[in-house]
Amino acid sequence: MLRKGNKLYSILTGACPKCHNESMYINKNAYVLSQTLKMHEKCSSCGTKYKIEPSFFYGSMYVSYAVGIAFAVAAFIISYVLLGSSALTAFIAIIGTMIVFLPVILRLSRNIWINLFIHFDKQLSDKNV
C-alpha cells in the first residue's frame, strides 16, 4: 500500500521527497529528543537540498497546528465518545496525547510541508536503486 512514488510514503516515513531512497532525518527515531528535528543537509542519493531557503521550515508551524488539532480530536473521540469517560478525563487524555506525540507531530508537519514544495521524480528513484 505504501510504496515509493506516493506522497504518503514520504510523509509517513520521512523519506526524501524527491527520490524516496533515504531518510531526511539523521536519526529515524523521533523519540531521541535531542535529534528529533536534526536533518541531513541534502539527500546523499539524489542531492536534493532539504532546507530550500533560510527559515524554510517556519511554515511547518501552521501544518503542525492542524496536525496537533487532528491528534487532539482523535484523543477526544477515543476517550469521551468511545470509552465514555468524563469531560475532565477526556481533557487529560488530550493533554497526554499531545505530550506523548509531540515528536511525531513535529516530524509529520515538516514532512508534509516539504512535500508541498518538492515532488517525487521516478527517474531519480529508479536510477539510484
N, C-alpha and C. Protein backbone atom coordinates (compact mmCIF):
# COMPACT_ATOMS: atom_id res chain seq x y z
N MET A 1 0.82 -1.19 0.00
CA MET A 1 0.00 0.00 0.00
C MET A 1 0.87 1.26 0.00
N LEU A 2 1.80 1.35 0.95
CA LEU A 2 2.72 2.49 0.96
C LEU A 2 3.94 2.13 0.13
N ARG A 3 3.99 2.66 -1.06
CA ARG A 3 5.10 2.38 -1.96
C ARG A 3 5.76 3.68 -2.38
N LYS A 4 7.01 3.55 -2.79
CA LYS A 4 7.71 4.72 -3.32
C LYS A 4 6.91 5.32 -4.46
N GLY A 5 6.96 6.62 -4.57
CA GLY A 5 6.22 7.32 -5.60
C GLY A 5 4.94 7.93 -5.08
N ASN A 6 4.57 7.57 -3.87
CA ASN A 6 3.36 8.06 -3.24
C ASN A 6 3.76 9.13 -2.21
N LYS A 7 3.12 10.29 -2.24
CA LYS A 7 3.44 11.36 -1.27
C LYS A 7 3.29 10.85 0.16
N LEU A 8 2.28 10.02 0.38
CA LEU A 8 2.03 9.49 1.71
C LEU A 8 3.22 8.68 2.21
N TYR A 9 3.92 8.00 1.31
CA TYR A 9 5.11 7.24 1.67
C TYR A 9 6.16 8.18 2.26
N SER A 10 6.43 9.26 1.57
CA SER A 10 7.43 10.21 2.03
C SER A 10 7.01 10.89 3.32
N ILE A 11 5.74 11.23 3.43
CA ILE A 11 5.24 11.92 4.63
C ILE A 11 5.33 11.01 5.85
N LEU A 12 4.91 9.78 5.73
CA LEU A 12 4.87 8.89 6.89
C LEU A 12 6.23 8.29 7.24
N THR A 13 7.12 8.16 6.27
CA THR A 13 8.43 7.56 6.56
C THR A 13 9.53 8.59 6.75
N GLY A 14 9.30 9.82 6.32
CA GLY A 14 10.35 10.84 6.41
C GLY A 14 11.40 10.68 5.33
N ALA A 15 11.04 9.99 4.25
CA ALA A 15 11.98 9.75 3.15
C ALA A 15 12.14 11.02 2.31
N CYS A 16 13.23 11.09 1.60
CA CYS A 16 13.48 12.21 0.69
C CYS A 16 12.28 12.38 -0.24
N PRO A 17 11.71 13.56 -0.33
CA PRO A 17 10.52 13.74 -1.16
C PRO A 17 10.79 13.61 -2.65
N LYS A 18 12.03 13.75 -3.07
CA LYS A 18 12.36 13.70 -4.50
C LYS A 18 12.60 12.27 -4.99
N CYS A 19 13.36 11.46 -4.22
CA CYS A 19 13.71 10.12 -4.70
C CYS A 19 13.20 8.99 -3.80
N HIS A 20 12.82 9.30 -2.59
CA HIS A 20 12.32 8.32 -1.60
C HIS A 20 13.34 7.25 -1.25
N ASN A 21 14.63 7.51 -1.45
CA ASN A 21 15.64 6.49 -1.21
C ASN A 21 16.27 6.53 0.17
N GLU A 22 16.19 7.64 0.88
CA GLU A 22 16.78 7.67 2.22
C GLU A 22 15.99 8.61 3.13
N SER A 23 16.21 8.48 4.42
CA SER A 23 15.54 9.33 5.41
C SER A 23 16.12 10.73 5.40
N MET A 24 15.26 11.72 5.58
CA MET A 24 15.73 13.10 5.68
C MET A 24 16.38 13.36 7.03
N TYR A 25 16.05 12.54 8.02
CA TYR A 25 16.48 12.77 9.39
C TYR A 25 17.73 11.98 9.73
N ILE A 26 18.57 12.57 10.55
CA ILE A 26 19.81 11.92 10.97
C ILE A 26 19.49 10.66 11.77
N ASN A 27 18.52 10.74 12.67
CA ASN A 27 18.07 9.59 13.45
C ASN A 27 16.62 9.31 13.11
N LYS A 28 16.31 8.10 12.64
CA LYS A 28 14.95 7.78 12.22
C LYS A 28 13.97 7.75 13.39
N ASN A 29 14.48 7.56 14.60
CA ASN A 29 13.62 7.50 15.79
C ASN A 29 13.30 8.92 16.25
N ALA A 30 12.04 9.32 16.14
CA ALA A 30 11.62 10.67 16.53
C ALA A 30 11.71 10.90 18.03
N TYR A 31 11.77 9.83 18.81
CA TYR A 31 11.78 9.97 20.26
C TYR A 31 13.17 10.11 20.86
N VAL A 32 14.19 10.23 20.04
CA VAL A 32 15.51 10.66 20.52
C VAL A 32 15.41 12.18 20.49
N LEU A 33 14.98 12.76 21.60
CA LEU A 33 14.56 14.16 21.64
C LEU A 33 15.64 15.15 21.22
N SER A 34 16.89 14.84 21.49
CA SER A 34 17.95 15.77 21.11
C SER A 34 18.16 15.80 19.59
N GLN A 35 17.60 14.81 18.89
CA GLN A 35 17.80 14.75 17.44
C GLN A 35 16.48 14.71 16.67
N THR A 36 15.38 15.03 17.32
CA THR A 36 14.06 14.95 16.68
C THR A 36 14.00 15.73 15.37
N LEU A 37 14.52 16.94 15.35
CA LEU A 37 14.42 17.79 14.16
C LEU A 37 15.73 17.93 13.39
N LYS A 38 16.76 17.16 13.75
CA LYS A 38 18.04 17.25 13.05
C LYS A 38 17.94 16.50 11.73
N MET A 39 18.19 17.24 10.66
CA MET A 39 18.06 16.69 9.32
C MET A 39 19.40 16.72 8.60
N HIS A 40 19.54 15.83 7.61
CA HIS A 40 20.70 15.89 6.73
C HIS A 40 20.59 17.19 5.94
N GLU A 41 21.71 17.71 5.51
CA GLU A 41 21.73 18.93 4.70
C GLU A 41 21.07 18.68 3.34
N LYS A 42 21.43 17.53 2.75
CA LYS A 42 20.85 17.16 1.45
C LYS A 42 20.81 15.64 1.34
N CYS A 43 20.09 15.16 0.37
CA CYS A 43 19.95 13.72 0.13
C CYS A 43 21.24 13.20 -0.50
N SER A 44 21.81 12.15 0.07
CA SER A 44 23.04 11.59 -0.49
C SER A 44 22.76 10.79 -1.76
N SER A 45 21.51 10.47 -2.00
CA SER A 45 21.14 9.69 -3.17
C SER A 45 20.90 10.56 -4.41
N CYS A 46 20.10 11.63 -4.23
CA CYS A 46 19.76 12.46 -5.40
C CYS A 46 20.27 13.90 -5.30
N GLY A 47 20.80 14.29 -4.14
CA GLY A 47 21.36 15.62 -3.97
C GLY A 47 20.35 16.71 -3.66
N THR A 48 19.11 16.36 -3.41
CA THR A 48 18.08 17.35 -3.09
C THR A 48 18.42 18.05 -1.77
N LYS A 49 18.44 19.36 -1.80
CA LYS A 49 18.70 20.16 -0.61
C LYS A 49 17.38 20.29 0.15
N TYR A 50 17.38 19.91 1.43
CA TYR A 50 16.14 19.91 2.22
C TYR A 50 15.74 21.30 2.70
N LYS A 51 16.71 22.08 3.10
CA LYS A 51 16.42 23.44 3.57
C LYS A 51 16.48 24.36 2.35
N ILE A 52 15.36 24.51 1.69
CA ILE A 52 15.29 25.22 0.42
C ILE A 52 15.76 26.67 0.55
N GLU A 53 15.41 27.30 1.64
CA GLU A 53 15.82 28.68 1.91
C GLU A 53 15.91 28.87 3.42
N PRO A 54 16.56 29.93 3.89
CA PRO A 54 16.62 30.16 5.33
C PRO A 54 15.21 30.24 5.92
N SER A 55 15.02 29.65 7.06
CA SER A 55 13.74 29.64 7.77
C SER A 55 12.64 28.93 6.99
N PHE A 56 13.01 28.03 6.10
CA PHE A 56 12.02 27.32 5.27
C PHE A 56 10.99 26.59 6.12
N PHE A 57 11.43 25.94 7.19
CA PHE A 57 10.52 25.11 7.97
C PHE A 57 9.65 25.89 8.96
N TYR A 58 9.76 27.22 8.99
CA TYR A 58 8.84 28.00 9.81
C TYR A 58 7.39 27.79 9.36
N GLY A 59 7.21 27.58 8.08
CA GLY A 59 5.87 27.32 7.55
C GLY A 59 5.25 26.05 8.08
N SER A 60 6.10 25.12 8.51
CA SER A 60 5.57 23.86 9.04
C SER A 60 4.87 24.06 10.39
N MET A 61 5.05 25.22 11.00
CA MET A 61 4.33 25.50 12.25
C MET A 61 2.83 25.54 12.01
N TYR A 62 2.42 26.07 10.87
CA TYR A 62 1.00 26.11 10.55
C TYR A 62 0.46 24.70 10.33
N VAL A 63 1.24 23.87 9.68
CA VAL A 63 0.86 22.48 9.47
C VAL A 63 0.82 21.76 10.82
N SER A 64 1.78 22.06 11.68
CA SER A 64 1.85 21.44 12.99
C SER A 64 0.60 21.73 13.82
N TYR A 65 0.08 22.92 13.69
CA TYR A 65 -1.15 23.28 14.40
C TYR A 65 -2.30 22.38 13.94
N ALA A 66 -2.44 22.21 12.63
CA ALA A 66 -3.51 21.37 12.09
C ALA A 66 -3.33 19.91 12.48
N VAL A 67 -2.11 19.40 12.41
CA VAL A 67 -1.85 18.01 12.78
C VAL A 67 -2.11 17.82 14.28
N GLY A 68 -1.72 18.80 15.09
CA GLY A 68 -1.99 18.73 16.53
C GLY A 68 -3.48 18.71 16.83
N ILE A 69 -4.24 19.51 16.12
CA ILE A 69 -5.70 19.51 16.29
C ILE A 69 -6.27 18.14 15.94
N ALA A 70 -5.77 17.53 14.86
CA ALA A 70 -6.24 16.20 14.46
C ALA A 70 -5.96 15.17 15.55
N PHE A 71 -4.76 15.22 16.14
CA PHE A 71 -4.43 14.30 17.23
C PHE A 71 -5.32 14.56 18.45
N ALA A 72 -5.57 15.82 18.76
CA ALA A 72 -6.42 16.17 19.91
C ALA A 72 -7.85 15.70 19.71
N VAL A 73 -8.38 15.90 18.52
CA VAL A 73 -9.75 15.45 18.22
C VAL A 73 -9.82 13.93 18.31
N ALA A 74 -8.81 13.24 17.79
CA ALA A 74 -8.79 11.77 17.87
C ALA A 74 -8.76 11.31 19.33
N ALA A 75 -7.96 11.97 20.16
CA ALA A 75 -7.89 11.62 21.58
C ALA A 75 -9.23 11.86 22.26
N PHE A 76 -9.89 12.96 21.91
CA PHE A 76 -11.20 13.27 22.49
C PHE A 76 -12.24 12.22 22.09
N ILE A 77 -12.27 11.90 20.82
CA ILE A 77 -13.25 10.92 20.34
C ILE A 77 -13.03 9.56 20.99
N ILE A 78 -11.78 9.14 21.08
CA ILE A 78 -11.48 7.85 21.69
C ILE A 78 -11.86 7.84 23.16
N SER A 79 -11.46 8.87 23.90
CA SER A 79 -11.70 8.86 25.35
C SER A 79 -13.14 9.20 25.72
N TYR A 80 -13.70 10.22 25.13
CA TYR A 80 -15.02 10.70 25.54
C TYR A 80 -16.15 9.93 24.86
N VAL A 81 -16.04 9.75 23.57
CA VAL A 81 -17.13 9.12 22.82
C VAL A 81 -17.06 7.60 22.90
N LEU A 82 -15.91 7.02 22.56
CA LEU A 82 -15.81 5.56 22.52
C LEU A 82 -15.70 4.92 23.91
N LEU A 83 -14.91 5.52 24.78
CA LEU A 83 -14.72 4.94 26.12
C LEU A 83 -15.70 5.49 27.15
N GLY A 84 -16.39 6.56 26.81
CA GLY A 84 -17.41 7.12 27.71
C GLY A 84 -16.86 7.76 28.97
N SER A 85 -15.68 8.35 28.91
CA SER A 85 -15.09 8.99 30.09
C SER A 85 -15.71 10.36 30.31
N SER A 86 -15.38 10.97 31.44
CA SER A 86 -15.89 12.31 31.75
C SER A 86 -15.15 13.35 30.91
N ALA A 87 -15.66 14.55 30.89
CA ALA A 87 -15.03 15.63 30.13
C ALA A 87 -13.63 15.94 30.68
N LEU A 88 -13.46 15.88 32.00
CA LEU A 88 -12.15 16.13 32.60
C LEU A 88 -11.15 15.06 32.18
N THR A 89 -11.58 13.81 32.20
CA THR A 89 -10.70 12.72 31.78
C THR A 89 -10.34 12.85 30.30
N ALA A 90 -11.30 13.26 29.49
CA ALA A 90 -11.05 13.46 28.06
C ALA A 90 -10.03 14.58 27.87
N PHE A 91 -10.15 15.65 28.66
CA PHE A 91 -9.20 16.76 28.58
C PHE A 91 -7.80 16.30 28.96
N ILE A 92 -7.69 15.50 30.00
CA ILE A 92 -6.40 14.95 30.42
C ILE A 92 -5.83 14.04 29.33
N ALA A 93 -6.70 13.27 28.69
CA ALA A 93 -6.27 12.39 27.59
C ALA A 93 -5.72 13.22 26.43
N ILE A 94 -6.36 14.34 26.15
CA ILE A 94 -5.88 15.22 25.07
C ILE A 94 -4.50 15.76 25.41
N ILE A 95 -4.32 16.26 26.63
CA ILE A 95 -3.02 16.80 27.06
C ILE A 95 -1.94 15.71 26.98
N GLY A 96 -2.28 14.52 27.50
CA GLY A 96 -1.33 13.41 27.46
C GLY A 96 -0.95 13.02 26.04
N THR A 97 -1.94 12.97 25.17
CA THR A 97 -1.70 12.63 23.76
C THR A 97 -0.78 13.66 23.12
N MET A 98 -1.03 14.93 23.37
CA MET A 98 -0.21 15.99 22.77
C MET A 98 1.24 15.91 23.26
N ILE A 99 1.43 15.58 24.53
CA ILE A 99 2.79 15.47 25.07
C ILE A 99 3.50 14.25 24.49
N VAL A 100 2.82 13.12 24.48
CA VAL A 100 3.44 11.87 24.02
C VAL A 100 3.76 11.93 22.52
N PHE A 101 2.87 12.51 21.74
CA PHE A 101 3.05 12.50 20.29
C PHE A 101 3.71 13.77 19.74
N LEU A 102 4.21 14.65 20.59
CA LEU A 102 4.84 15.88 20.11
C LEU A 102 5.96 15.63 19.10
N PRO A 103 6.91 14.72 19.36
CA PRO A 103 7.96 14.50 18.35
C PRO A 103 7.40 14.00 17.01
N VAL A 104 6.38 13.17 17.05
CA VAL A 104 5.77 12.66 15.82
C VAL A 104 5.06 13.79 15.09
N ILE A 105 4.35 14.64 15.81
CA ILE A 105 3.64 15.77 15.21
C ILE A 105 4.63 16.72 14.55
N LEU A 106 5.74 17.00 15.22
CA LEU A 106 6.75 17.89 14.66
C LEU A 106 7.32 17.35 13.35
N ARG A 107 7.64 16.06 13.35
CA ARG A 107 8.20 15.46 12.13
C ARG A 107 7.15 15.37 11.02
N LEU A 108 5.95 14.97 11.37
CA LEU A 108 4.89 14.88 10.35
C LEU A 108 4.65 16.23 9.69
N SER A 109 4.65 17.28 10.50
CA SER A 109 4.40 18.61 9.93
C SER A 109 5.53 19.04 9.00
N ARG A 110 6.76 18.74 9.36
CA ARG A 110 7.89 19.04 8.46
C ARG A 110 7.80 18.22 7.17
N ASN A 111 7.44 16.95 7.31
CA ASN A 111 7.33 16.08 6.14
C ASN A 111 6.23 16.58 5.20
N ILE A 112 5.10 16.96 5.76
CA ILE A 112 4.00 17.48 4.93
C ILE A 112 4.44 18.77 4.25
N TRP A 113 5.08 19.66 5.00
CA TRP A 113 5.49 20.96 4.46
C TRP A 113 6.46 20.80 3.29
N ILE A 114 7.49 19.99 3.45
CA ILE A 114 8.47 19.85 2.37
C ILE A 114 7.87 19.14 1.17
N ASN A 115 6.91 18.24 1.40
CA ASN A 115 6.26 17.54 0.29
C ASN A 115 5.31 18.43 -0.49
N LEU A 116 4.95 19.57 0.05
CA LEU A 116 4.15 20.53 -0.70
C LEU A 116 4.99 21.21 -1.78
N PHE A 117 6.29 21.29 -1.57
CA PHE A 117 7.17 22.04 -2.47
C PHE A 117 8.08 21.18 -3.33
N ILE A 118 8.38 19.97 -2.89
CA ILE A 118 9.26 19.08 -3.66
C ILE A 118 8.46 17.86 -4.06
N HIS A 119 8.52 17.52 -5.33
CA HIS A 119 7.71 16.43 -5.84
C HIS A 119 8.58 15.24 -6.25
N PHE A 120 8.01 14.07 -6.16
CA PHE A 120 8.69 12.81 -6.47
C PHE A 120 9.11 12.77 -7.94
N ASP A 121 10.31 12.25 -8.18
CA ASP A 121 10.84 12.08 -9.54
C ASP A 121 11.19 10.60 -9.73
N LYS A 122 10.35 9.90 -10.46
CA LYS A 122 10.52 8.45 -10.65
C LYS A 122 11.87 8.11 -11.28
N GLN A 123 12.35 8.94 -12.19
CA GLN A 123 13.63 8.68 -12.84
C GLN A 123 14.78 8.69 -11.83
N LEU A 124 14.76 9.61 -10.87
CA LEU A 124 15.80 9.65 -9.84
C LEU A 124 15.71 8.44 -8.93
N SER A 125 14.51 8.03 -8.61
CA SER A 125 14.31 6.90 -7.73
C SER A 125 14.81 5.62 -8.38
N ASP A 126 14.49 5.42 -9.64
CA ASP A 126 14.90 4.21 -10.36
C ASP A 126 16.41 4.17 -10.59
N LYS A 127 17.00 5.33 -10.86
CA LYS A 127 18.43 5.41 -11.16
C LYS A 127 19.28 5.06 -9.95
N ASN A 128 18.81 5.37 -8.75
CA ASN A 128 19.61 5.22 -7.54
C ASN A 128 19.28 3.97 -6.74
N VAL A 129 18.53 3.05 -7.29
CA VAL A 129 18.17 1.84 -6.53
C VAL A 129 19.27 0.83 -6.57
